[in-house]
Amino acid sequence: MHKTTHCRTVSPASAPSLSPVHAVLFDAYGTLFDVYSVGLLAEQFFPGNGVALSVLWRDKQVEYSRLVTASLDERHYRPFWQLTQAGLRYACQRLGLDLTPAREDQLMNQYRHLSAFPENREVLQALKRQGIVTGILSNGDPSMLEVAVKSAGLDGLLDHLISVDRIRKYKTHPEAYALGEQATGLKAGQMAFVSCNSWDALGATWYGYRTVWVNRYQLPFEALGTAPTHTGSSLRDVLALPGLTGAAQQPGGSTTT
């Protein structure tokens, strides 16, 4: 098992860092799957604009998820796939790019099969060998998650694929993070939640998870007075978490909720 030394532990007074970790839940988009990998195809369609498009597309996708959740009206809810499509259309219009139906179809299909980060399989296999419950807790639709996991070759390494679609509220709504407790039968403080998105790591920390912020791009954390429990630079830092134990693993195979 490969462990790195990048994992920084904050004071136990600011997070539940002394409790054993029986399960590890991962965010999907940006954490297991590279949302900016669509920029390669975008660059082919729109030379000189691939990076800008991938960044604005992602920003609008997340913004739309917050807008529909903050409306407190389920009539405004849209599945994540539709928000992703809406974000693409807005980004292209904003950047003055000609998004033909054929280009839209290809870019959306590329998003369905995002590139996976190279250490994913190694880390998930190591957790499974230790008997740790593993899962995804994501804004993604169930079908999006199933395709992404299969495309990345991660079948059989995740006990739970948890989508917020069932409650029609996106992260960072507390009910979204509560889905992890419902799926595993564990309390938030008994689990680690891993995200590359600082806003997601913050929301999960507020909820009560032991959090790992994977700071792949060397960015500052959210300046709202709460730090993640741990900070690392890749998923491998999850393996350095103190207190990992598989003793509380629940029976059953992979499920989508």
C-alpha atoms as a PDB file:
ATOM      1  CA  MET A   1       0.000   0.000   0.000  1.00  0.00           C
ATOM      2  CA  HIS A   2       1.374   3.385  -0.983  1.00  0.00           C
ATOM      3  CA  LYS A   3       1.018   6.156   1.574  1.00  0.00           C
ATOM      4  CA  THR A   4       2.093   9.727   1.135  1.00  0.00           C
ATOM      5  CA  THR A   5       2.954  12.302   3.734  1.00  0.00           C
ATOM      6  CA  HIS A   6       0.826  15.118   2.377  1.00  0.00           C
ATOM      7  CA  CYS A   7      -2.168  14.468   4.638  1.00  0.00           C
ATOM      8  CA  ARG A   8      -2.446  17.323   7.139  1.00  0.00           C
ATOM      9  CA  THR A   9      -4.474  16.746  10.290  1.00  0.00           C
ATOM     10  CA  VAL A  10      -6.072  19.749  11.953  1.00  0.00           C
ATOM     11  CA  SER A  11      -6.711  20.102  15.660  1.00  0.00           C
ATOM     12  CA  PRO A  12      -9.152  17.527  17.105  1.00  0.00           C
ATOM     13  CA  ALA A  13     -10.978  20.424  18.694  1.00  0.00           C
ATOM     14  CA  SER A  14     -12.129  21.619  15.275  1.00  0.00           C
ATOM     15  CA  ALA A  15     -13.206  18.238  13.795  1.00  0.00           C
ATOM     16  CA  PRO A  16     -14.083  14.661  14.850  1.00  0.00           C
ATOM     17  CA  SER A  17     -10.552  13.441  14.047  1.00  0.00           C
ATOM     18  CA  LEU A  18     -10.215  10.885  16.856  1.00  0.00           C
ATOM     19  CA  SER A  19     -13.145   8.640  15.933  1.00  0.00           C
ATOM     20  CA  PRO A  20     -12.523   5.423  13.966  1.00  0.00           C
ATOM     21  CA  VAL A  21     -13.295   5.549  10.236  1.00  0.00           C
ATOM     22  CA  HIS A  22     -15.450   2.608   9.116  1.00  0.00           C
ATOM     23  CA  ALA A  23     -16.431   3.913   5.672  1.00  0.00           C
ATOM     24  CA  VAL A  24     -15.089   6.286   3.056  1.00  0.00           C
ATOM     25  CA  LEU A  25     -17.475   8.114   0.731  1.00  0.00           C
ATOM     26  CA  PHE A  26     -16.187   9.956  -2.328  1.00  0.00           C
ATOM     27  CA  ASP A  27     -17.574  12.824  -4.297  1.00  0.00           C
ATOM     28  CA  ALA A  28     -17.625  11.853  -7.967  1.00  0.00           C
ATOM     29  CA  TYR A  29     -17.180  14.864 -10.236  1.00  0.00           C
ATOM     30  CA  GLY A  30     -13.822  16.525  -9.746  1.00  0.00           C
ATOM     31  CA  THR A  31     -12.761  13.920  -7.179  1.00  0.00           C
ATOM     32  CA  LEU A  32     -12.883  10.538  -8.936  1.00  0.00           C
ATOM     33  CA  PHE A  33     -13.605  11.869 -12.422  1.00  0.00           C
ATOM     34  CA  ASP A  34     -11.803  14.795 -14.052  1.00  0.00           C
ATOM     35  CA  VAL A  35     -14.475  17.321 -15.044  1.00  0.00           C
ATOM     36  CA  TYR A  36     -11.905  19.365 -16.959  1.00  0.00           C
ATOM     37  CA  SER A  37     -10.898  16.471 -19.207  1.00  0.00           C
ATOM     38  CA  VAL A  38     -13.734  17.564 -21.547  1.00  0.00           C
ATOM     39  CA  GLY A  39     -11.501  20.496 -22.409  1.00  0.00           C
ATOM     40  CA  LEU A  40      -9.493  18.299 -24.787  1.00  0.00           C
ATOM     41  CA  LEU A  41     -12.488  17.645 -27.013  1.00  0.00           C
ATOM     42  CA  ALA A  42     -13.709  21.216 -26.580  1.00  0.00           C
ATOM     43  CA  GLU A  43     -10.342  22.460 -27.824  1.00  0.00           C
ATOM     44  CA  GLN A  44     -10.764  20.422 -31.006  1.00  0.00           C
ATOM     45  CA  PHE A  45     -14.127  22.058 -31.649  1.00  0.00           C
ATOM     46  CA  PHE A  46     -13.194  25.538 -30.457  1.00  0.00           C
ATOM     47  CA  PRO A  47      -9.425  26.109 -30.786  1.00  0.00           C
ATOM     48  CA  GLY A  48      -8.085  28.381 -28.078  1.00  0.00           C
ATOM     49  CA  ASN A  49     -11.253  28.053 -25.966  1.00  0.00           C
ATOM     50  CA  GLY A  50     -11.134  24.476 -24.637  1.00  0.00           C
ATOM     51  CA  VAL A  51      -9.942  25.347 -21.146  1.00  0.00           C
ATOM     52  CA  ALA A  52     -12.202  28.378 -20.790  1.00  0.00           C
ATOM     53  CA  LEU A  53     -15.207  26.343 -21.882  1.00  0.00           C
ATOM     54  CA  SER A  54     -14.500  23.462 -19.506  1.00  0.00           C
ATOM     55  CA  VAL A  55     -14.110  25.845 -16.540  1.00  0.00           C
ATOM     56  CA  LEU A  56     -17.206  27.947 -17.249  1.00  0.00           C
ATOM     57  CA  TRP A  57     -19.245  24.829 -18.035  1.00  0.00           C
ATOM     58  CA  ARG A  58     -18.384  23.339 -14.660  1.00  0.00           C
ATOM     59  CA  ASP A  59     -19.027  26.606 -12.827  1.00  0.00           C
ATOM     60  CA  LYS A  60     -22.505  26.974 -14.336  1.00  0.00           C
ATOM     61  CA  GLN A  61     -23.355  23.316 -13.693  1.00  0.00           C
ATOM     62  CA  VAL A  62     -22.627  23.770  -9.977  1.00  0.00           C
ATOM     63  CA  GLU A  63     -24.325  27.179  -9.868  1.00  0.00           C
ATOM     64  CA  TYR A  64     -27.491  25.739 -11.382  1.00  0.00           C
ATOM     65  CA  SER A  65     -27.549  22.950  -8.789  1.00  0.00           C
ATOM     66  CA  ARG A  66     -27.464  25.576  -6.043  1.00  0.00           C
ATOM     67  CA  LEU A  67     -30.120  27.712  -7.704  1.00  0.00           C
ATOM     68  CA  VAL A  68     -32.697  24.940  -8.029  1.00  0.00           C
ATOM     69  CA  THR A  69     -32.048  23.736  -4.466  1.00  0.00           C
ATOM     70  CA  ALA A  70     -32.197  27.228  -2.968  1.00  0.00           C
ATOM     71  CA  SER A  71     -35.535  27.862  -4.686  1.00  0.00           C
ATOM     72  CA  LEU A  72     -37.170  25.483  -2.146  1.00  0.00           C
ATOM     73  CA  ASP A  73     -39.589  24.544  -4.931  1.00  0.00           C
ATOM     74  CA  GLU A  74     -39.352  21.075  -6.464  1.00  0.00           C
ATOM     75  CA  ARG A  75     -40.907  22.402  -9.656  1.00  0.00           C
ATOM     76  CA  HIS A  76     -37.523  23.948 -10.422  1.00  0.00           C
ATOM     77  CA  TYR A  77     -35.580  20.734  -9.863  1.00  0.00           C
ATOM     78  CA  ARG A  78     -33.767  19.300 -12.866  1.00  0.00           C
ATOM     79  CA  PRO A  79     -31.713  16.081 -12.910  1.00  0.00           C
ATOM     80  CA  PHE A  80     -27.984  16.677 -12.945  1.00  0.00           C
ATOM     81  CA  TRP A  81     -27.720  15.576 -16.563  1.00  0.00           C
ATOM     82  CA  GLN A  82     -30.075  18.380 -17.590  1.00  0.00           C
ATOM     83  CA  LEU A  83     -28.159  20.916 -15.494  1.00  0.00           C
ATOM     84  CA  THR A  84     -24.956  19.762 -17.171  1.00  0.00           C
ATOM     85  CA  GLN A  85     -26.506  20.292 -20.584  1.00  0.00           C
ATOM     86  CA  ALA A  86     -27.837  23.715 -19.574  1.00  0.00           C
ATOM     87  CA  GLY A  87     -24.388  24.674 -18.271  1.00  0.00           C
ATOM     88  CA  LEU A  88     -22.790  23.714 -21.582  1.00  0.00           C
ATOM     89  CA  ARG A  89     -25.283  25.745 -23.579  1.00  0.00           C
ATOM     90  CA  TYR A  90     -24.821  28.805 -21.379  1.00  0.00           C
ATOM     91  CA  ALA A  91     -21.021  28.561 -21.464  1.00  0.00           C
ATOM     92  CA  CYS A  92     -20.933  28.364 -25.250  1.00  0.00           C
ATOM     93  CA  GLN A  93     -23.323  31.276 -25.598  1.00  0.00           C
ATOM     94  CA  ARG A  94     -21.298  33.328 -23.111  1.00  0.00           C
ATOM     95  CA  LEU A  95     -18.050  32.603 -24.969  1.00  0.00           C
ATOM     96  CA  GLY A  96     -19.612  33.142 -28.389  1.00  0.00           C
ATOM     97  CA  LEU A  97     -19.009  29.570 -29.541  1.00  0.00           C
ATOM     98  CA  ASP A  98     -21.062  27.791 -32.201  1.00  0.00           C
ATOM     99  CA  LEU A  99     -22.538  24.809 -30.353  1.00  0.00           C
ATOM    100  CA  THR A 100     -24.108  22.730 -33.083  1.00  0.00           C
ATOM    101  CA  PRO A 101     -26.370  19.804 -32.135  1.00  0.00           C
ATOM    102  CA  ALA A 102     -23.633  17.380 -33.214  1.00  0.00           C
ATOM    103  CA  ARG A 103     -20.997  19.101 -31.079  1.00  0.00           C
ATOM    104  CA  GLU A 104     -23.364  19.204 -28.102  1.00  0.00           C
ATOM    105  CA  ASP A 105     -24.040  15.480 -28.402  1.00  0.00           C
ATOM    106  CA  GLN A 106     -20.324  14.681 -28.534  1.00  0.00           C
ATOM    107  CA  LEU A 107     -19.415  16.942 -25.614  1.00  0.00           C
ATOM    108  CA  MET A 108     -22.232  15.557 -23.474  1.00  0.00           C
ATOM    109  CA  ASN A 109     -21.188  12.007 -24.305  1.00  0.00           C
ATOM    110  CA  GLN A 110     -17.639  12.909 -23.319  1.00  0.00           C
ATOM    111  CA  TYR A 111     -18.965  14.178 -19.990  1.00  0.00           C
ATOM    112  CA  ARG A 112     -20.697  10.860 -19.442  1.00  0.00           C
ATOM    113  CA  HIS A 113     -17.324   9.131 -19.877  1.00  0.00           C
ATOM    114  CA  LEU A 114     -15.015  11.539 -18.073  1.00  0.00           C
ATOM    115  CA  SER A 115     -11.391  10.571 -17.577  1.00  0.00           C
ATOM    116  CA  ALA A 116     -10.731   9.016 -14.175  1.00  0.00           C
ATOM    117  CA  PHE A 117      -7.799  10.051 -12.016  1.00  0.00           C
ATOM    118  CA  PRO A 118      -5.046   7.430 -12.245  1.00  0.00           C
ATOM    119  CA  GLU A 119      -4.851   6.566  -8.541  1.00  0.00           C
ATOM    120  CA  ASN A 120      -8.576   5.759  -8.162  1.00  0.00           C
ATOM    121  CA  ARG A 121      -8.345   2.001  -8.582  1.00  0.00           C
ATOM    122  CA  GLU A 122      -5.257   1.642  -6.406  1.00  0.00           C
ATOM    123  CA  VAL A 123      -6.849   3.547  -3.523  1.00  0.00           C
ATOM    124  CA  LEU A 124     -10.215   1.791  -3.714  1.00  0.00           C
ATOM    125  CA  GLN A 125      -8.543  -1.616  -3.860  1.00  0.00           C
ATOM    126  CA  ALA A 126      -6.467  -0.778  -0.788  1.00  0.00           C
ATOM    127  CA  LEU A 127      -9.568   0.290   1.144  1.00  0.00           C
ATOM    128  CA  LYS A 128     -11.409  -2.878   0.148  1.00  0.00           C
ATOM    129  CA  ARG A 129      -8.492  -5.022   1.333  1.00  0.00           C
ATOM    130  CA  GLN A 130      -8.830  -3.360   4.739  1.00  0.00           C
ATOM    131  CA  GLY A 131     -12.556  -4.117   4.830  1.00  0.00           C
ATOM    132  CA  ILE A 132     -13.544  -0.450   4.610  1.00  0.00           C
ATOM    133  CA  VAL A 133     -17.020   0.342   3.283  1.00  0.00           C
ATOM    134  CA  THR A 134     -16.671   2.473   0.155  1.00  0.00           C
ATOM    135  CA  GLY A 135     -19.104   4.537  -1.838  1.00  0.00           C
ATOM    136  CA  ILE A 136     -19.867   7.559  -3.955  1.00  0.00           C
ATOM    137  CA  LEU A 137     -22.096  10.347  -2.658  1.00  0.00           C
ATOM    138  CA  SER A 138     -22.768  12.590  -5.617  1.00  0.00           C
ATOM    139  CA  ASN A 139     -25.014  15.131  -7.288  1.00  0.00           C
ATOM    140  CA  GLY A 140     -24.913  12.921 -10.372  1.00  0.00           C
ATOM    141  CA  ASP A 141     -27.962  11.030 -11.612  1.00  0.00           C
ATOM    142  CA  PRO A 142     -27.884   7.271 -10.925  1.00  0.00           C
ATOM    143  CA  SER A 143     -27.408   6.507 -14.630  1.00  0.00           C
ATOM    144  CA  MET A 144     -24.557   9.031 -14.890  1.00  0.00           C
ATOM    145  CA  LEU A 145     -22.769   7.441 -11.949  1.00  0.00           C
ATOM    146  CA  GLU A 146     -23.246   3.901 -13.207  1.00  0.00           C
ATOM    147  CA  VAL A 147     -21.787   4.749 -16.624  1.00  0.00           C
ATOM    148  CA  ALA A 148     -18.884   6.719 -15.141  1.00  0.00           C
ATOM    149  CA  VAL A 149     -17.958   3.938 -12.724  1.00  0.00           C
ATOM    150  CA  LYS A 150     -18.140   1.266 -15.413  1.00  0.00           C
ATOM    151  CA  SER A 151     -16.211   3.392 -17.903  1.00  0.00           C
ATOM    152  CA  ALA A 152     -13.463   3.918 -15.308  1.00  0.00           C
ATOM    153  CA  GLY A 153     -13.207   0.195 -14.557  1.00  0.00           C
ATOM    154  CA  LEU A 154     -14.234   0.634 -10.920  1.00  0.00           C
ATOM    155  CA  ASP A 155     -16.967  -2.019 -10.887  1.00  0.00           C
ATOM    156  CA  GLY A 156     -16.904  -4.073  -7.708  1.00  0.00           C
ATOM    157  CA  LEU A 157     -14.841  -1.562  -5.752  1.00  0.00           C
ATOM    158  CA  LEU A 158     -17.735   0.557  -4.466  1.00  0.00           C
ATOM    159  CA  ASP A 159     -20.346  -0.720  -2.041  1.00  0.00           C
ATOM    160  CA  HIS A 160     -22.689   2.219  -2.585  1.00  0.00           C
ATOM    161  CA  LEU A 161     -23.516   4.594  -5.428  1.00  0.00           C
ATOM    162  CA  ILE A 162     -25.538   7.288  -3.707  1.00  0.00           C
ATOM    163  CA  SER A 163     -27.285   9.917  -5.800  1.00  0.00           C
ATOM    164  CA  VAL A 164     -29.079  12.983  -4.446  1.00  0.00           C
ATOM    165  CA  ASP A 165     -31.661  12.561  -7.209  1.00  0.00           C
ATOM    166  CA  ARG A 166     -33.917  10.642  -4.826  1.00  0.00           C
ATOM    167  CA  ILE A 167     -34.394  13.660  -2.554  1.00  0.00           C
ATOM    168  CA  ARG A 168     -34.268  16.251  -5.369  1.00  0.00           C
ATOM    169  CA  LYS A 169     -31.855  18.451  -3.426  1.00  0.00           C
ATOM    170  CA  TYR A 170     -28.218  18.988  -4.313  1.00  0.00           C
ATOM    171  CA  LYS A 171     -25.160  19.338  -2.118  1.00  0.00           C
ATOM    172  CA  THR A 172     -24.549  21.266   0.053  1.00  0.00           C
ATOM    173  CA  HIS A 173     -28.083  20.729   1.430  1.00  0.00           C
ATOM    174  CA  PRO A 174     -27.852  18.761   4.701  1.00  0.00           C
ATOM    175  CA  GLU A 175     -30.333  16.187   3.400  1.00  0.00           C
ATOM    176  CA  ALA A 176     -27.864  15.347   0.634  1.00  0.00           C
ATOM    177  CA  TYR A 177     -25.117  14.491   3.119  1.00  0.00           C
ATOM    178  CA  ALA A 178     -27.609  12.576   5.263  1.00  0.00           C
ATOM    179  CA  LEU A 179     -27.969  10.080   2.414  1.00  0.00           C
ATOM    180  CA  GLY A 180     -24.555   8.681   3.320  1.00  0.00           C
ATOM    181  CA  GLU A 181     -25.755   7.799   6.799  1.00  0.00           C
ATOM    182  CA  GLN A 182     -28.938   6.250   5.448  1.00  0.00           C
ATOM    183  CA  ALA A 183     -27.107   4.091   2.900  1.00  0.00           C
ATOM    184  CA  THR A 184     -24.387   2.800   5.221  1.00  0.00           C
ATOM    185  CA  GLY A 185     -26.189   2.682   8.569  1.00  0.00           C
ATOM    186  CA  LEU A 186     -23.272   4.621  10.051  1.00  0.00           C
ATOM    187  CA  LYS A 187     -23.132   8.059  11.634  1.00  0.00           C
ATOM    188  CA  ALA A 188     -21.353  10.836   9.752  1.00  0.00           C
ATOM    189  CA  GLY A 189     -18.640  10.935  12.403  1.00  0.00           C
ATOM    190  CA  GLN A 190     -17.824   7.279  11.707  1.00  0.00           C
ATOM    191  CA  MET A 191     -17.087   8.001   8.045  1.00  0.00           C
ATOM    192  CA  ALA A 192     -14.694  10.007   5.942  1.00  0.00           C
ATOM    193  CA  PHE A 193     -16.012  12.100   3.081  1.00  0.00           C
ATOM    194  CA  VAL A 194     -13.533  12.871   0.316  1.00  0.00           C
ATOM    195  CA  SER A 195     -13.877  15.725  -2.164  1.00  0.00           C
ATOM    196  CA  CYS A 196     -11.669  17.775  -4.442  1.00  0.00           C
ATOM    197  CA  ASN A 197     -14.274  20.552  -4.322  1.00  0.00           C
ATOM    198  CA  SER A 198     -13.610  22.832  -1.363  1.00  0.00           C
ATOM    199  CA  TRP A 199     -17.257  23.903  -1.083  1.00  0.00           C
ATOM    200  CA  ASP A 200     -18.273  20.235  -0.906  1.00  0.00           C
ATOM    201  CA  ALA A 201     -15.638  19.416   1.705  1.00  0.00           C
ATOM    202  CA  LEU A 202     -16.860  22.396   3.727  1.00  0.00           C
ATOM    203  CA  GLY A 203     -20.506  21.335   3.525  1.00  0.00           C
ATOM    204  CA  ALA A 204     -19.640  17.799   4.609  1.00  0.00           C
ATOM    205  CA  THR A 205     -17.521  19.129   7.483  1.00  0.00           C
ATOM    206  CA  TRP A 206     -20.395  21.275   8.671  1.00  0.00           C
ATOM    207  CA  TYR A 207     -22.656  18.237   8.489  1.00  0.00           C
ATOM    208  CA  GLY A 208     -20.328  16.204  10.732  1.00  0.00           C
ATOM    209  CA  TYR A 209     -18.228  14.039   8.445  1.00  0.00           C
ATOM    210  CA  ARG A 210     -14.528  13.554   8.909  1.00  0.00           C
ATOM    211  CA  THR A 211     -13.440  15.203   5.692  1.00  0.00           C
ATOM    212  CA  VAL A 212     -10.522  14.916   3.308  1.00  0.00           C
ATOM    213  CA  TRP A 213     -10.093  17.800   0.906  1.00  0.00           C
ATOM    214  CA  VAL A 214      -8.038  16.675  -2.078  1.00  0.00           C
ATOM    215  CA  ASN A 215      -6.433  19.942  -3.163  1.00  0.00           C
ATOM    216  CA  ARG A 216      -5.235  18.847  -6.606  1.00  0.00           C
ATOM    217  CA  TYR A 217      -4.795  22.389  -7.902  1.00  0.00           C
ATOM    218  CA  GLN A 218      -3.119  24.039  -4.886  1.00  0.00           C
ATOM    219  CA  LEU A 219      -6.010  26.392  -4.167  1.00  0.00           C
ATOM    220  CA  PRO A 220      -6.943  28.140  -0.925  1.00  0.00           C
ATOM    221  CA  PHE A 221      -9.757  26.601   1.106  1.00  0.00           C
ATOM    222  CA  GLU A 222     -13.061  28.425   1.584  1.00  0.00           C
ATOM    223  CA  ALA A 223     -12.561  31.453   3.865  1.00  0.00           C
ATOM    224  CA  LEU A 224     -15.547  30.834   6.139  1.00  0.00           C
ATOM    225  CA  GLY A 225     -13.749  29.866   9.327  1.00  0.00           C
ATOM    226  CA  THR A 226     -14.043  26.071   9.073  1.00  0.00           C
ATOM    227  CA  ALA A 227     -11.182  23.837   7.919  1.00  0.00           C
ATOM    228  CA  PRO A 228     -11.500  20.309   6.535  1.00  0.00           C
ATOM    229  CA  THR A 229     -10.351  17.587   8.906  1.00  0.00           C
ATOM    230  CA  HIS A 230      -7.544  16.613   6.534  1.00  0.00           C
ATOM    231  CA  THR A 231      -5.988  18.071   3.409  1.00  0.00           C
ATOM    232  CA  GLY A 232      -4.078  16.122   0.768  1.00  0.00           C
ATOM    233  CA  SER A 233      -2.992  16.453  -2.831  1.00  0.00           C
ATOM    234  CA  SER A 234      -4.276  13.138  -4.230  1.00  0.00           C
ATOM    235  CA  LEU A 235      -6.626  10.314  -3.310  1.00  0.00           C
ATOM    236  CA  ARG A 236      -3.653   8.371  -1.972  1.00  0.00           C
ATOM    237  CA  ASP A 237      -3.710  10.625   1.075  1.00  0.00           C
ATOM    238  CA  VAL A 238      -6.940   8.910   2.127  1.00  0.00           C
ATOM    239  CA  LEU A 239      -4.864   5.828   2.901  1.00  0.00           C
ATOM    240  CA  ALA A 240      -2.890   7.830   5.477  1.00  0.00           C
ATOM    241  CA  LEU A 241      -5.996   8.573   7.540  1.00  0.00           C
ATOM    242  CA  PRO A 242      -5.571   7.481  11.167  1.00  0.00           C
ATOM    243  CA  GLY A 243      -8.308   5.244  12.497  1.00  0.00           C
ATOM    244  CA  LEU A 244      -9.229   3.391   9.299  1.00  0.00           C
ATOM    245  CA  THR A 245     -10.982   0.165  10.316  1.00  0.00           C
ATOM    246  CA  GLY A 246     -13.293  -2.227   8.565  1.00  0.00           C
ATOM    247  CA  ALA A 247     -14.826  -3.561  11.766  1.00  0.00           C
ATOM    248  CA  ALA A 248     -18.213  -1.973  11.155  1.00  0.00           C
ATOM    249  CA  GLN A 249     -18.586  -3.025   7.525  1.00  0.00           C
ATOM    250  CA  GLN A 250     -22.162  -3.787   6.584  1.00  0.00           C
ATOM    251  CA  PRO A 251     -23.107  -6.818   4.462  1.00  0.00           C
ATOM    252  CA  GLY A 252     -24.310  -6.433   0.904  1.00  0.00           C
ATOM    253  CA  GLY A 253     -23.005  -5.449  -2.475  1.00  0.00           C
ATOM    254  CA  SER A 254     -23.071  -2.300  -4.562  1.00  0.00           C
ATOM    255  CA  THR A 255     -26.297  -0.366  -4.441  1.00  0.00           C
ATOM    256  CA  THR A 256     -27.592   2.798  -6.056  1.00  0.00           C
ATOM    257  CA  THR A 257     -29.802   5.070  -3.959  1.00  0.00           C
END
